[in-house]
Amino acid sequence: MKFLDEAEADDPILSVVNLIDIFLVVIAALLLTVAKNPVLQMMQADNVTVISDAGTSQMQMLVKQGDKVERFRSNGKTGEGQGTRAGVAYRMQDGSVVYVPEAAAPAPAR
């Protein structure tokens, strides 16, 4: 009887089977982690904008529109350009922001 027990203990196939079981558990855990990743879930939508490090000189913005993904990086400088004032934004006491567009100036009479 002791002879049969020793043969099973020396079988190298049993250790390989155990390794395969461990790898299957690790792969399942990795798949669950990837599936629950919020960034991947957001990127499955058609239009997504992700801003990282907002307000710093390393700020980045990822914009996905359909299949096109663009990355914008801040250079740390204030934006410049030509344009006209379009309205005023007010921060309310509850923290929300309200935008009030300015009325268009009437064309001068001739």
PDB file of N, CA and C in Angstrom:
ATOM      1  N   MET A   1       0.817  -1.192   0.000  1.00  0.00           N
ATOM      2  CA  MET A   1       0.000   0.000   0.000  1.00  0.00           C
ATOM      3  C   MET A   1       0.858   1.251   0.000  1.00  0.00           C
ATOM      4  N   LYS A   2       1.945   1.209   0.696  1.00  0.00           N
ATOM      5  CA  LYS A   2       2.832   2.361   0.752  1.00  0.00           C
ATOM      6  C   LYS A   2       3.442   2.625  -0.626  1.00  0.00           C
ATOM      7  N   PHE A   3       3.629   1.612  -1.392  1.00  0.00           N
ATOM      8  CA  PHE A   3       4.213   1.727  -2.719  1.00  0.00           C
ATOM      9  C   PHE A   3       3.323   2.586  -3.636  1.00  0.00           C
ATOM     10  N   LEU A   4       2.008   2.439  -3.573  1.00  0.00           N
ATOM     11  CA  LEU A   4       1.094   3.217  -4.410  1.00  0.00           C
ATOM     12  C   LEU A   4       1.099   4.697  -4.041  1.00  0.00           C
ATOM     13  N   ASP A   5       1.169   5.017  -2.760  1.00  0.00           N
ATOM     14  CA  ASP A   5       1.202   6.414  -2.327  1.00  0.00           C
ATOM     15  C   ASP A   5       2.470   7.114  -2.807  1.00  0.00           C
ATOM     16  N   GLU A   6       3.578   6.420  -2.789  1.00  0.00           N
ATOM     17  CA  GLU A   6       4.840   7.015  -3.216  1.00  0.00           C
ATOM     18  C   GLU A   6       4.829   7.307  -4.713  1.00  0.00           C
ATOM     19  N   ALA A   7       4.180   6.495  -5.498  1.00  0.00           N
ATOM     20  CA  ALA A   7       4.132   6.711  -6.946  1.00  0.00           C
ATOM     21  C   ALA A   7       3.365   7.981  -7.283  1.00  0.00           C
ATOM     22  N   GLU A   8       2.303   8.249  -6.552  1.00  0.00           N
ATOM     23  CA  GLU A   8       1.534   9.475  -6.806  1.00  0.00           C
ATOM     24  C   GLU A   8       2.300  10.710  -6.377  1.00  0.00           C
ATOM     25  N   ALA A   9       3.080  10.635  -5.341  1.00  0.00           N
ATOM     26  CA  ALA A   9       3.834  11.787  -4.847  1.00  0.00           C
ATOM     27  C   ALA A   9       4.954  12.162  -5.803  1.00  0.00           C
ATOM     28  N   ASP A  10       5.491  11.210  -6.544  1.00  0.00           N
ATOM     29  CA  ASP A  10       6.594  11.485  -7.452  1.00  0.00           C
ATOM     30  C   ASP A  10       6.136  11.847  -8.859  1.00  0.00           C
ATOM     31  N   ASP A  11       4.870  11.878  -9.118  1.00  0.00           N
ATOM     32  CA  ASP A  11       4.358  12.142 -10.456  1.00  0.00           C
ATOM     33  C   ASP A  11       4.533  13.627 -10.809  1.00  0.00           C
ATOM     34  N   PRO A  12       5.387  13.983 -11.788  1.00  0.00           N
ATOM     35  CA  PRO A  12       5.627  15.395 -12.125  1.00  0.00           C
ATOM     36  C   PRO A  12       4.425  16.074 -12.796  1.00  0.00           C
ATOM     37  N   ILE A  13       3.530  15.301 -13.363  1.00  0.00           N
ATOM     38  CA  ILE A  13       2.347  15.872 -14.017  1.00  0.00           C
ATOM     39  C   ILE A  13       1.453  16.572 -13.005  1.00  0.00           C
ATOM     40  N   LEU A  14       1.388  16.071 -11.778  1.00  0.00           N
ATOM     41  CA  LEU A  14       0.531  16.684 -10.763  1.00  0.00           C
ATOM     42  C   LEU A  14       0.972  18.112 -10.444  1.00  0.00           C
ATOM     43  N   SER A  15       2.259  18.362 -10.411  1.00  0.00           N
ATOM     44  CA  SER A  15       2.727  19.727 -10.137  1.00  0.00           C
ATOM     45  C   SER A  15       2.420  20.649 -11.312  1.00  0.00           C
ATOM     46  N   VAL A  16       2.475  20.144 -12.533  1.00  0.00           N
ATOM     47  CA  VAL A  16       2.130  20.956 -13.704  1.00  0.00           C
ATOM     48  C   VAL A  16       0.649  21.316 -13.681  1.00  0.00           C
ATOM     49  N   VAL A  17      -0.187  20.393 -13.305  1.00  0.00           N
ATOM     50  CA  VAL A  17      -1.625  20.649 -13.207  1.00  0.00           C
ATOM     51  C   VAL A  17      -1.887  21.724 -12.153  1.00  0.00           C
ATOM     52  N   ASN A  18      -1.195  21.669 -11.038  1.00  0.00           N
ATOM     53  CA  ASN A  18      -1.352  22.686  -9.999  1.00  0.00           C
ATOM     54  C   ASN A  18      -0.915  24.062 -10.496  1.00  0.00           C
ATOM     55  N   LEU A  19       0.163  24.128 -11.255  1.00  0.00           N
ATOM     56  CA  LEU A  19       0.610  25.405 -11.816  1.00  0.00           C
ATOM     57  C   LEU A  19      -0.418  25.979 -12.789  1.00  0.00           C
ATOM     58  N   ILE A  20      -1.004  25.133 -13.587  1.00  0.00           N
ATOM     59  CA  ILE A  20      -2.029  25.590 -14.528  1.00  0.00           C
ATOM     60  C   ILE A  20      -3.225  26.148 -13.775  1.00  0.00           C
ATOM     61  N   ASP A  21      -3.620  25.513 -12.686  1.00  0.00           N
ATOM     62  CA  ASP A  21      -4.726  26.019 -11.871  1.00  0.00           C
ATOM     63  C   ASP A  21      -4.402  27.402 -11.299  1.00  0.00           C
ATOM     64  N   ILE A  22      -3.187  27.586 -10.825  1.00  0.00           N
ATOM     65  CA  ILE A  22      -2.785  28.887 -10.272  1.00  0.00           C
ATOM     66  C   ILE A  22      -2.812  29.951 -11.356  1.00  0.00           C
ATOM     67  N   PHE A  23      -2.303  29.647 -12.541  1.00  0.00           N
ATOM     68  CA  PHE A  23      -2.314  30.619 -13.635  1.00  0.00           C
ATOM     69  C   PHE A  23      -3.730  30.985 -14.054  1.00  0.00           C
ATOM     70  N   LEU A  24      -4.633  30.030 -14.049  1.00  0.00           N
ATOM     71  CA  LEU A  24      -6.022  30.329 -14.391  1.00  0.00           C
ATOM     72  C   LEU A  24      -6.653  31.289 -13.384  1.00  0.00           C
ATOM     73  N   VAL A  25      -6.363  31.113 -12.119  1.00  0.00           N
ATOM     74  CA  VAL A  25      -6.890  32.018 -11.092  1.00  0.00           C
ATOM     75  C   VAL A  25      -6.311  33.421 -11.277  1.00  0.00           C
ATOM     76  N   VAL A  26      -5.012  33.523 -11.547  1.00  0.00           N
ATOM     77  CA  VAL A  26      -4.372  34.832 -11.756  1.00  0.00           C
ATOM     78  C   VAL A  26      -4.951  35.516 -12.984  1.00  0.00           C
ATOM     79  N   ILE A  27      -5.142  34.787 -14.059  1.00  0.00           N
ATOM     80  CA  ILE A  27      -5.710  35.369 -15.287  1.00  0.00           C
ATOM     81  C   ILE A  27      -7.128  35.857 -15.040  1.00  0.00           C
ATOM     82  N   ALA A  28      -7.925  35.092 -14.314  1.00  0.00           N
ATOM     83  CA  ALA A  28      -9.299  35.518 -14.001  1.00  0.00           C
ATOM     84  C   ALA A  28      -9.296  36.796 -13.162  1.00  0.00           C
ATOM     85  N   ALA A  29      -8.385  36.896 -12.197  1.00  0.00           N
ATOM     86  CA  ALA A  29      -8.300  38.108 -11.371  1.00  0.00           C
ATOM     87  C   ALA A  29      -7.894  39.312 -12.214  1.00  0.00           C
ATOM     88  N   LEU A  30      -6.957  39.137 -13.129  1.00  0.00           N
ATOM     89  CA  LEU A  30      -6.546  40.245 -14.003  1.00  0.00           C
ATOM     90  C   LEU A  30      -7.670  40.677 -14.933  1.00  0.00           C
ATOM     91  N   LEU A  31      -8.414  39.739 -15.463  1.00  0.00           N
ATOM     92  CA  LEU A  31      -9.536  40.079 -16.335  1.00  0.00           C
ATOM     93  C   LEU A  31     -10.608  40.862 -15.579  1.00  0.00           C
ATOM     94  N   LEU A  32     -10.889  40.475 -14.349  1.00  0.00           N
ATOM     95  CA  LEU A  32     -11.864  41.215 -13.535  1.00  0.00           C
ATOM     96  C   LEU A  32     -11.367  42.624 -13.238  1.00  0.00           C
ATOM     97  N   THR A  33     -10.087  42.779 -12.966  1.00  0.00           N
ATOM     98  CA  THR A  33      -9.517  44.097 -12.694  1.00  0.00           C
ATOM     99  C   THR A  33      -9.623  44.997 -13.920  1.00  0.00           C
ATOM    100  N   VAL A  34      -9.312  44.477 -15.074  1.00  0.00           N
ATOM    101  CA  VAL A  34      -9.385  45.266 -16.302  1.00  0.00           C
ATOM    102  C   VAL A  34     -10.839  45.626 -16.617  1.00  0.00           C
ATOM    103  N   ALA A  35     -11.749  44.713 -16.397  1.00  0.00           N
ATOM    104  CA  ALA A  35     -13.157  44.964 -16.703  1.00  0.00           C
ATOM    105  C   ALA A  35     -13.755  46.029 -15.790  1.00  0.00           C
ATOM    106  N   LYS A  36     -13.264  46.144 -14.577  1.00  0.00           N
ATOM    107  CA  LYS A  36     -13.801  47.118 -13.629  1.00  0.00           C
ATOM    108  C   LYS A  36     -13.084  48.460 -13.687  1.00  0.00           C
ATOM    109  N   ASN A  37     -12.083  48.600 -14.540  1.00  0.00           N
ATOM    110  CA  ASN A  37     -11.321  49.844 -14.643  1.00  0.00           C
ATOM    111  C   ASN A  37     -12.220  50.950 -15.191  1.00  0.00           C
ATOM    112  N   PRO A  38     -12.433  52.050 -14.446  1.00  0.00           N
ATOM    113  CA  PRO A  38     -13.357  53.100 -14.898  1.00  0.00           C
ATOM    114  C   PRO A  38     -12.882  53.821 -16.157  1.00  0.00           C
ATOM    115  N   VAL A  39     -11.581  53.923 -16.354  1.00  0.00           N
ATOM    116  CA  VAL A  39     -11.081  54.606 -17.546  1.00  0.00           C
ATOM    117  C   VAL A  39     -11.456  53.826 -18.788  1.00  0.00           C
ATOM    118  N   LEU A  40     -11.346  52.510 -18.734  1.00  0.00           N
ATOM    119  CA  LEU A  40     -11.721  51.701 -19.891  1.00  0.00           C
ATOM    120  C   LEU A  40     -13.211  51.781 -20.160  1.00  0.00           C
ATOM    121  N   GLN A  41     -14.018  51.846 -19.098  1.00  0.00           N
ATOM    122  CA  GLN A  41     -15.454  51.966 -19.285  1.00  0.00           C
ATOM    123  C   GLN A  41     -15.809  53.313 -19.913  1.00  0.00           C
ATOM    124  N   MET A  42     -15.107  54.364 -19.517  1.00  0.00           N
ATOM    125  CA  MET A  42     -15.376  55.684 -20.105  1.00  0.00           C
ATOM    126  C   MET A  42     -14.968  55.717 -21.568  1.00  0.00           C
ATOM    127  N   MET A  43     -13.859  55.068 -21.894  1.00  0.00           N
ATOM    128  CA  MET A  43     -13.359  55.118 -23.262  1.00  0.00           C
ATOM    129  C   MET A  43     -14.224  54.309 -24.228  1.00  0.00           C
ATOM    130  N   GLN A  44     -15.165  53.524 -23.723  1.00  0.00           N
ATOM    131  CA  GLN A  44     -16.061  52.793 -24.600  1.00  0.00           C
ATOM    132  C   GLN A  44     -17.184  53.691 -25.114  1.00  0.00           C
ATOM    133  N   ALA A  45     -17.409  54.850 -24.490  1.00  0.00           N
ATOM    134  CA  ALA A  45     -18.427  55.789 -24.949  1.00  0.00           C
ATOM    135  C   ALA A  45     -17.930  56.470 -26.223  1.00  0.00           C
ATOM    136  N   ASP A  46     -18.854  57.094 -26.974  1.00  0.00           N
ATOM    137  CA  ASP A  46     -18.475  57.741 -28.229  1.00  0.00           C
ATOM    138  C   ASP A  46     -17.684  59.023 -28.016  1.00  0.00           C
ATOM    139  N   ASN A  47     -18.136  59.900 -27.115  1.00  0.00           N
ATOM    140  CA  ASN A  47     -17.479  61.175 -26.872  1.00  0.00           C
ATOM    141  C   ASN A  47     -17.093  61.283 -25.401  1.00  0.00           C
ATOM    142  N   VAL A  48     -15.780  61.397 -25.142  1.00  0.00           N
ATOM    143  CA  VAL A  48     -15.281  61.450 -23.770  1.00  0.00           C
ATOM    144  C   VAL A  48     -14.192  62.505 -23.691  1.00  0.00           C
ATOM    145  N   THR A  49     -14.171  63.274 -22.589  1.00  0.00           N
ATOM    146  CA  THR A  49     -13.081  64.204 -22.306  1.00  0.00           C
ATOM    147  C   THR A  49     -12.559  63.890 -20.912  1.00  0.00           C
ATOM    148  N   VAL A  50     -11.252  63.617 -20.804  1.00  0.00           N
ATOM    149  CA  VAL A  50     -10.617  63.305 -19.527  1.00  0.00           C
ATOM    150  C   VAL A  50      -9.540  64.354 -19.279  1.00  0.00           C
ATOM    151  N   ILE A  51      -9.602  65.017 -18.115  1.00  0.00           N
ATOM    152  CA  ILE A  51      -8.612  66.028 -17.750  1.00  0.00           C
ATOM    153  C   ILE A  51      -7.836  65.504 -16.555  1.00  0.00           C
ATOM    154  N   SER A  52      -6.502  65.490 -16.663  1.00  0.00           N
ATOM    155  CA  SER A  52      -5.669  65.048 -15.545  1.00  0.00           C
ATOM    156  C   SER A  52      -4.775  66.199 -15.096  1.00  0.00           C
ATOM    157  N   ASP A  53      -4.480  66.260 -13.808  1.00  0.00           N
ATOM    158  CA  ASP A  53      -3.657  67.305 -13.202  1.00  0.00           C
ATOM    159  C   ASP A  53      -4.204  68.690 -13.522  1.00  0.00           C
ATOM    160  N   ALA A  54      -5.501  68.879 -13.349  1.00  0.00           N
ATOM    161  CA  ALA A  54      -6.142  70.154 -13.691  1.00  0.00           C
ATOM    162  C   ALA A  54      -5.555  71.295 -12.873  1.00  0.00           C
ATOM    163  N   GLY A  55      -5.285  72.405 -13.537  1.00  0.00           N
ATOM    164  CA  GLY A  55      -4.789  73.609 -12.879  1.00  0.00           C
ATOM    165  C   GLY A  55      -3.295  73.635 -12.656  1.00  0.00           C
ATOM    166  N   THR A  56      -2.578  72.614 -13.080  1.00  0.00           N
ATOM    167  CA  THR A  56      -1.124  72.605 -12.921  1.00  0.00           C
ATOM    168  C   THR A  56      -0.467  72.775 -14.285  1.00  0.00           C
ATOM    169  N   SER A  57       0.852  72.958 -14.253  1.00  0.00           N
ATOM    170  CA  SER A  57       1.562  73.119 -15.523  1.00  0.00           C
ATOM    171  C   SER A  57       1.694  71.790 -16.272  1.00  0.00           C
ATOM    172  N   GLN A  58       1.403  70.652 -15.627  1.00  0.00           N
ATOM    173  CA  GLN A  58       1.442  69.342 -16.279  1.00  0.00           C
ATOM    174  C   GLN A  58       0.052  68.867 -16.691  1.00  0.00           C
ATOM    175  N   MET A  59      -0.893  69.770 -16.789  1.00  0.00           N
ATOM    176  CA  MET A  59      -2.269  69.392 -17.119  1.00  0.00           C
ATOM    177  C   MET A  59      -2.325  68.749 -18.504  1.00  0.00           C
ATOM    178  N   GLN A  60      -3.096  67.665 -18.610  1.00  0.00           N
ATOM    179  CA  GLN A  60      -3.309  66.985 -19.884  1.00  0.00           C
ATOM    180  C   GLN A  60      -4.804  66.802 -20.101  1.00  0.00           C
ATOM    181  N   MET A  61      -5.197  66.821 -21.356  1.00  0.00           N
ATOM    182  CA  MET A  61      -6.597  66.624 -21.683  1.00  0.00           C
ATOM    183  C   MET A  61      -6.674  65.616 -22.827  1.00  0.00           C
ATOM    184  N   LEU A  62      -7.416  64.534 -22.607  1.00  0.00           N
ATOM    185  CA  LEU A  62      -7.672  63.536 -23.644  1.00  0.00           C
ATOM    186  C   LEU A  62      -9.096  63.740 -24.138  1.00  0.00           C
ATOM    187  N   VAL A  63      -9.257  63.889 -25.444  1.00  0.00           N
ATOM    188  CA  VAL A  63     -10.574  64.090 -26.041  1.00  0.00           C
ATOM    189  C   VAL A  63     -10.797  62.970 -27.047  1.00  0.00           C
ATOM    190  N   LYS A  64     -11.863  62.206 -26.834  1.00  0.00           N
ATOM    191  CA  LYS A  64     -12.217  61.129 -27.758  1.00  0.00           C
ATOM    192  C   LYS A  64     -13.544  61.487 -28.404  1.00  0.00           C
ATOM    193  N   GLN A  65     -13.528  61.596 -29.718  1.00  0.00           N
ATOM    194  CA  GLN A  65     -14.747  61.843 -30.490  1.00  0.00           C
ATOM    195  C   GLN A  65     -14.844  60.737 -31.533  1.00  0.00           C
ATOM    196  N   GLY A  66     -15.744  59.810 -31.300  1.00  0.00           N
ATOM    197  CA  GLY A  66     -15.863  58.652 -32.185  1.00  0.00           C
ATOM    198  C   GLY A  66     -14.633  57.771 -32.037  1.00  0.00           C
ATOM    199  N   ASP A  67     -13.938  57.540 -33.134  1.00  0.00           N
ATOM    200  CA  ASP A  67     -12.725  56.724 -33.104  1.00  0.00           C
ATOM    201  C   ASP A  67     -11.460  57.562 -32.989  1.00  0.00           C
ATOM    202  N   LYS A  68     -11.579  58.883 -33.026  1.00  0.00           N
ATOM    203  CA  LYS A  68     -10.429  59.785 -32.999  1.00  0.00           C
ATOM    204  C   LYS A  68     -10.123  60.204 -31.562  1.00  0.00           C
ATOM    205  N   VAL A  69      -8.878  59.992 -31.131  1.00  0.00           N
ATOM    206  CA  VAL A  69      -8.440  60.375 -29.791  1.00  0.00           C
ATOM    207  C   VAL A  69      -7.320  61.399 -29.931  1.00  0.00           C
ATOM    208  N   GLU A  70      -7.479  62.557 -29.261  1.00  0.00           N
ATOM    209  CA  GLU A  70      -6.465  63.604 -29.300  1.00  0.00           C
ATOM    210  C   GLU A  70      -5.976  63.875 -27.891  1.00  0.00           C
ATOM    211  N   ARG A  71      -4.696  64.189 -27.753  1.00  0.00           N
ATOM    212  CA  ARG A  71      -4.109  64.532 -26.460  1.00  0.00           C
ATOM    213  C   ARG A  71      -3.596  65.968 -26.532  1.00  0.00           C
ATOM    214  N   PHE A  72      -4.011  66.761 -25.562  1.00  0.00           N
ATOM    215  CA  PHE A  72      -3.560  68.140 -25.458  1.00  0.00           C
ATOM    216  C   PHE A  72      -2.788  68.282 -24.162  1.00  0.00           C
ATOM    217  N   ARG A  73      -1.626  68.946 -24.226  1.00  0.00           N
ATOM    218  CA  ARG A  73      -0.811  69.158 -23.034  1.00  0.00           C
ATOM    219  C   ARG A  73      -0.645  70.655 -22.794  1.00  0.00           C
ATOM    220  N   SER A  74      -0.656  71.020 -21.538  1.00  0.00           N
ATOM    221  CA  SER A  74      -0.475  72.415 -21.157  1.00  0.00           C
ATOM    222  C   SER A  74       0.999  72.780 -21.257  1.00  0.00           C
ATOM    223  N   ASN A  75       1.267  73.985 -21.710  1.00  0.00           N
ATOM    224  CA  ASN A  75       2.639  74.455 -21.724  1.00  0.00           C
ATOM    225  C   ASN A  75       2.909  75.394 -20.553  1.00  0.00           C
ATOM    226  N   GLY A  76       1.928  75.589 -19.671  1.00  0.00           N
ATOM    227  CA  GLY A  76       2.115  76.413 -18.482  1.00  0.00           C
ATOM    228  C   GLY A  76       1.883  77.890 -18.708  1.00  0.00           C
ATOM    229  N   LYS A  77       1.572  78.294 -19.928  1.00  0.00           N
ATOM    230  CA  LYS A  77       1.361  79.711 -20.242  1.00  0.00           C
ATOM    231  C   LYS A  77      -0.128  80.001 -20.338  1.00  0.00           C
ATOM    232  N   THR A  78      -0.482  81.245 -20.111  1.00  0.00           N
ATOM    233  CA  THR A  78      -1.867  81.682 -20.238  1.00  0.00           C
ATOM    234  C   THR A  78      -2.213  81.794 -21.715  1.00  0.00           C
ATOM    235  N   GLY A  79      -3.414  81.372 -22.065  1.00  0.00           N
ATOM    236  CA  GLY A  79      -3.836  81.425 -23.453  1.00  0.00           C
ATOM    237  C   GLY A  79      -4.007  82.852 -23.951  1.00  0.00           C
ATOM    238  N   GLU A  80      -3.763  83.039 -25.200  1.00  0.00           N
ATOM    239  CA  GLU A  80      -3.908  84.346 -25.830  1.00  0.00           C
ATOM    240  C   GLU A  80      -4.686  84.177 -27.120  1.00  0.00           C
ATOM    241  N   GLY A  81      -5.228  85.257 -27.601  1.00  0.00           N
ATOM    242  CA  GLY A  81      -5.923  85.212 -28.876  1.00  0.00           C
ATOM    243  C   GLY A  81      -6.808  86.415 -29.050  1.00  0.00           C
ATOM    244  N   GLN A  82      -7.445  86.483 -30.194  1.00  0.00           N
ATOM    245  CA  GLN A  82      -8.346  87.582 -30.492  1.00  0.00           C
ATOM    246  C   GLN A  82      -9.767  87.059 -30.399  1.00  0.00           C
ATOM    247  N   GLY A  83     -10.640  87.920 -29.949  1.00  0.00           N
ATOM    248  CA  GLY A  83     -12.027  87.512 -29.839  1.00  0.00           C
ATOM    249  C   GLY A  83     -12.827  88.610 -29.153  1.00  0.00           C
ATOM    250  N   THR A  84     -14.080  88.337 -28.951  1.00  0.00           N
ATOM    251  CA  THR A  84     -14.946  89.287 -28.270  1.00  0.00           C
ATOM    252  C   THR A  84     -15.548  88.613 -27.051  1.00  0.00           C
ATOM    253  N   ARG A  85     -15.978  89.441 -26.137  1.00  0.00           N
ATOM    254  CA  ARG A  85     -16.592  88.931 -24.923  1.00  0.00           C
ATOM    255  C   ARG A  85     -17.942  88.305 -25.289  1.00  0.00           C
ATOM    256  N   ALA A  86     -18.163  87.084 -24.812  1.00  0.00           N
ATOM    257  CA  ALA A  86     -19.377  86.358 -25.181  1.00  0.00           C
ATOM    258  C   ALA A  86     -20.392  86.323 -24.048  1.00  0.00           C
ATOM    259  N   GLY A  87     -19.977  86.632 -22.841  1.00  0.00           N
ATOM    260  CA  GLY A  87     -20.896  86.592 -21.721  1.00  0.00           C
ATOM    261  C   GLY A  87     -20.151  86.601 -20.415  1.00  0.00           C
ATOM    262  N   VAL A  88     -20.878  86.355 -19.336  1.00  0.00           N
ATOM    263  CA  VAL A  88     -20.294  86.381 -18.003  1.00  0.00           C
ATOM    264  C   VAL A  88     -20.664  85.081 -17.288  1.00  0.00           C
ATOM    265  N   ALA A  89     -19.709  84.533 -16.538  1.00  0.00           N
ATOM    266  CA  ALA A  89     -19.966  83.343 -15.735  1.00  0.00           C
ATOM    267  C   ALA A  89     -19.960  83.738 -14.264  1.00  0.00           C
ATOM    268  N   TYR A  90     -20.964  83.260 -13.528  1.00  0.00           N
ATOM    269  CA  TYR A  90     -21.074  83.557 -12.102  1.00  0.00           C
ATOM    270  C   TYR A  90     -21.016  82.248 -11.321  1.00  0.00           C
ATOM    271  N   ARG A  91     -20.210  82.242 -10.228  1.00  0.00           N
ATOM    272  CA  ARG A  91     -20.181  81.079  -9.337  1.00  0.00           C
ATOM    273  C   ARG A  91     -21.194  81.333  -8.228  1.00  0.00           C
ATOM    274  N   MET A  92     -22.153  80.420  -8.091  1.00  0.00           N
ATOM    275  CA  MET A  92     -23.206  80.554  -7.095  1.00  0.00           C
ATOM    276  C   MET A  92     -22.708  80.065  -5.736  1.00  0.00           C
ATOM    277  N   GLN A  93     -23.470  80.336  -4.677  1.00  0.00           N
ATOM    278  CA  GLN A  93     -23.064  79.941  -3.334  1.00  0.00           C
ATOM    279  C   GLN A  93     -22.985  78.422  -3.171  1.00  0.00           C
ATOM    280  N   ASP A  94     -23.787  77.690  -3.922  1.00  0.00           N
ATOM    281  CA  ASP A  94     -23.750  76.227  -3.821  1.00  0.00           C
ATOM    282  C   ASP A  94     -22.614  75.606  -4.637  1.00  0.00           C
ATOM    283  N   GLY A  95     -21.813  76.431  -5.314  1.00  0.00           N
ATOM    284  CA  GLY A  95     -20.670  75.942  -6.076  1.00  0.00           C
ATOM    285  C   GLY A  95     -20.935  75.773  -7.557  1.00  0.00           C
ATOM    286  N   SER A  96     -22.178  75.873  -7.981  1.00  0.00           N
ATOM    287  CA  SER A  96     -22.487  75.733  -9.404  1.00  0.00           C
ATOM    288  C   SER A  96     -22.089  77.012 -10.139  1.00  0.00           C
ATOM    289  N   VAL A  97     -21.909  76.889 -11.435  1.00  0.00           N
ATOM    290  CA  VAL A  97     -21.519  78.017 -12.269  1.00  0.00           C
ATOM    291  C   VAL A  97     -22.637  78.273 -13.272  1.00  0.00           C
ATOM    292  N   VAL A  98     -23.036  79.561 -13.381  1.00  0.00           N
ATOM    293  CA  VAL A  98     -24.099  79.961 -14.301  1.00  0.00           C
ATOM    294  C   VAL A  98     -23.477  80.870 -15.348  1.00  0.00           C
ATOM    295  N   TYR A  99     -23.720  80.548 -16.614  1.00  0.00           N
ATOM    296  CA  TYR A  99     -23.228  81.372 -17.719  1.00  0.00           C
ATOM    297  C   TYR A  99     -24.372  82.214 -18.242  1.00  0.00           C
ATOM    298  N   VAL A 100     -24.150  83.526 -18.333  1.00  0.00           N
ATOM    299  CA  VAL A 100     -25.165  84.437 -18.846  1.00  0.00           C
ATOM    300  C   VAL A 100     -24.599  85.065 -20.116  1.00  0.00           C
ATOM    301  N   PRO A 101     -25.142  84.697 -21.277  1.00  0.00           N
ATOM    302  CA  PRO A 101     -24.638  85.294 -22.518  1.00  0.00           C
ATOM    303  C   PRO A 101     -25.048  86.761 -22.600  1.00  0.00           C
ATOM    304  N   GLU A 102     -24.177  87.553 -23.193  1.00  0.00           N
ATOM    305  CA  GLU A 102     -24.488  88.964 -23.379  1.00  0.00           C
ATOM    306  C   GLU A 102     -25.364  89.118 -24.606  1.00  0.00           C
ATOM    307  N   ALA A 103     -26.254  90.085 -24.522  1.00  0.00           N
ATOM    308  CA  ALA A 103     -27.109  90.365 -25.686  1.00  0.00           C
ATOM    309  C   ALA A 103     -26.249  90.948 -26.797  1.00  0.00           C
ATOM    310  N   ALA A 104     -26.542  90.537 -28.007  1.00  0.00           N
ATOM    311  CA  ALA A 104     -25.780  91.056 -29.147  1.00  0.00           C
ATOM    312  C   ALA A 104     -26.074  92.540 -29.300  1.00  0.00           C
ATOM    313  N   ALA A 105     -25.027  93.297 -29.566  1.00  0.00           N
ATOM    314  CA  ALA A 105     -25.199  94.739 -29.760  1.00  0.00           C
ATOM    315  C   ALA A 105     -25.947  94.967 -31.058  1.00  0.00           C
ATOM    316  N   PRO A 106     -26.942  95.871 -31.033  1.00  0.00           N
ATOM    317  CA  PRO A 106     -27.686  96.131 -32.268  1.00  0.00           C
ATOM    318  C   PRO A 106     -26.790  96.792 -33.304  1.00  0.00           C
ATOM    319  N   ALA A 107     -27.060  96.476 -34.549  1.00  0.00           N
ATOM    320  CA  ALA A 107     -26.271  97.055 -35.640  1.00  0.00           C
ATOM    321  C   ALA A 107     -26.568  98.553 -35.705  1.00  0.00           C
ATOM    322  N   PRO A 108     -25.538  99.357 -35.959  1.00  0.00           N
ATOM    323  CA  PRO A 108     -25.743 100.799 -36.025  1.00  0.00           C
ATOM    324  C   PRO A 108     -26.660 101.166 -37.211  1.00  0.00           C
ATOM    325  N   ALA A 109     -27.576 102.095 -36.948  1.00  0.00           N
ATOM    326  CA  ALA A 109     -28.508 102.549 -37.996  1.00  0.00           C
ATOM    327  C   ALA A 109     -27.783 103.463 -38.964  1.00  0.00           C
ATOM    328  N   ARG A 110     -28.135 103.401 -40.246  1.00  0.00           N
ATOM    329  CA  ARG A 110     -27.500 104.262 -41.249  1.00  0.00           C
ATOM    330  C   ARG A 110     -28.450 105.244 -41.809  1.00  0.00           C
TER     331      ARG A 110
END
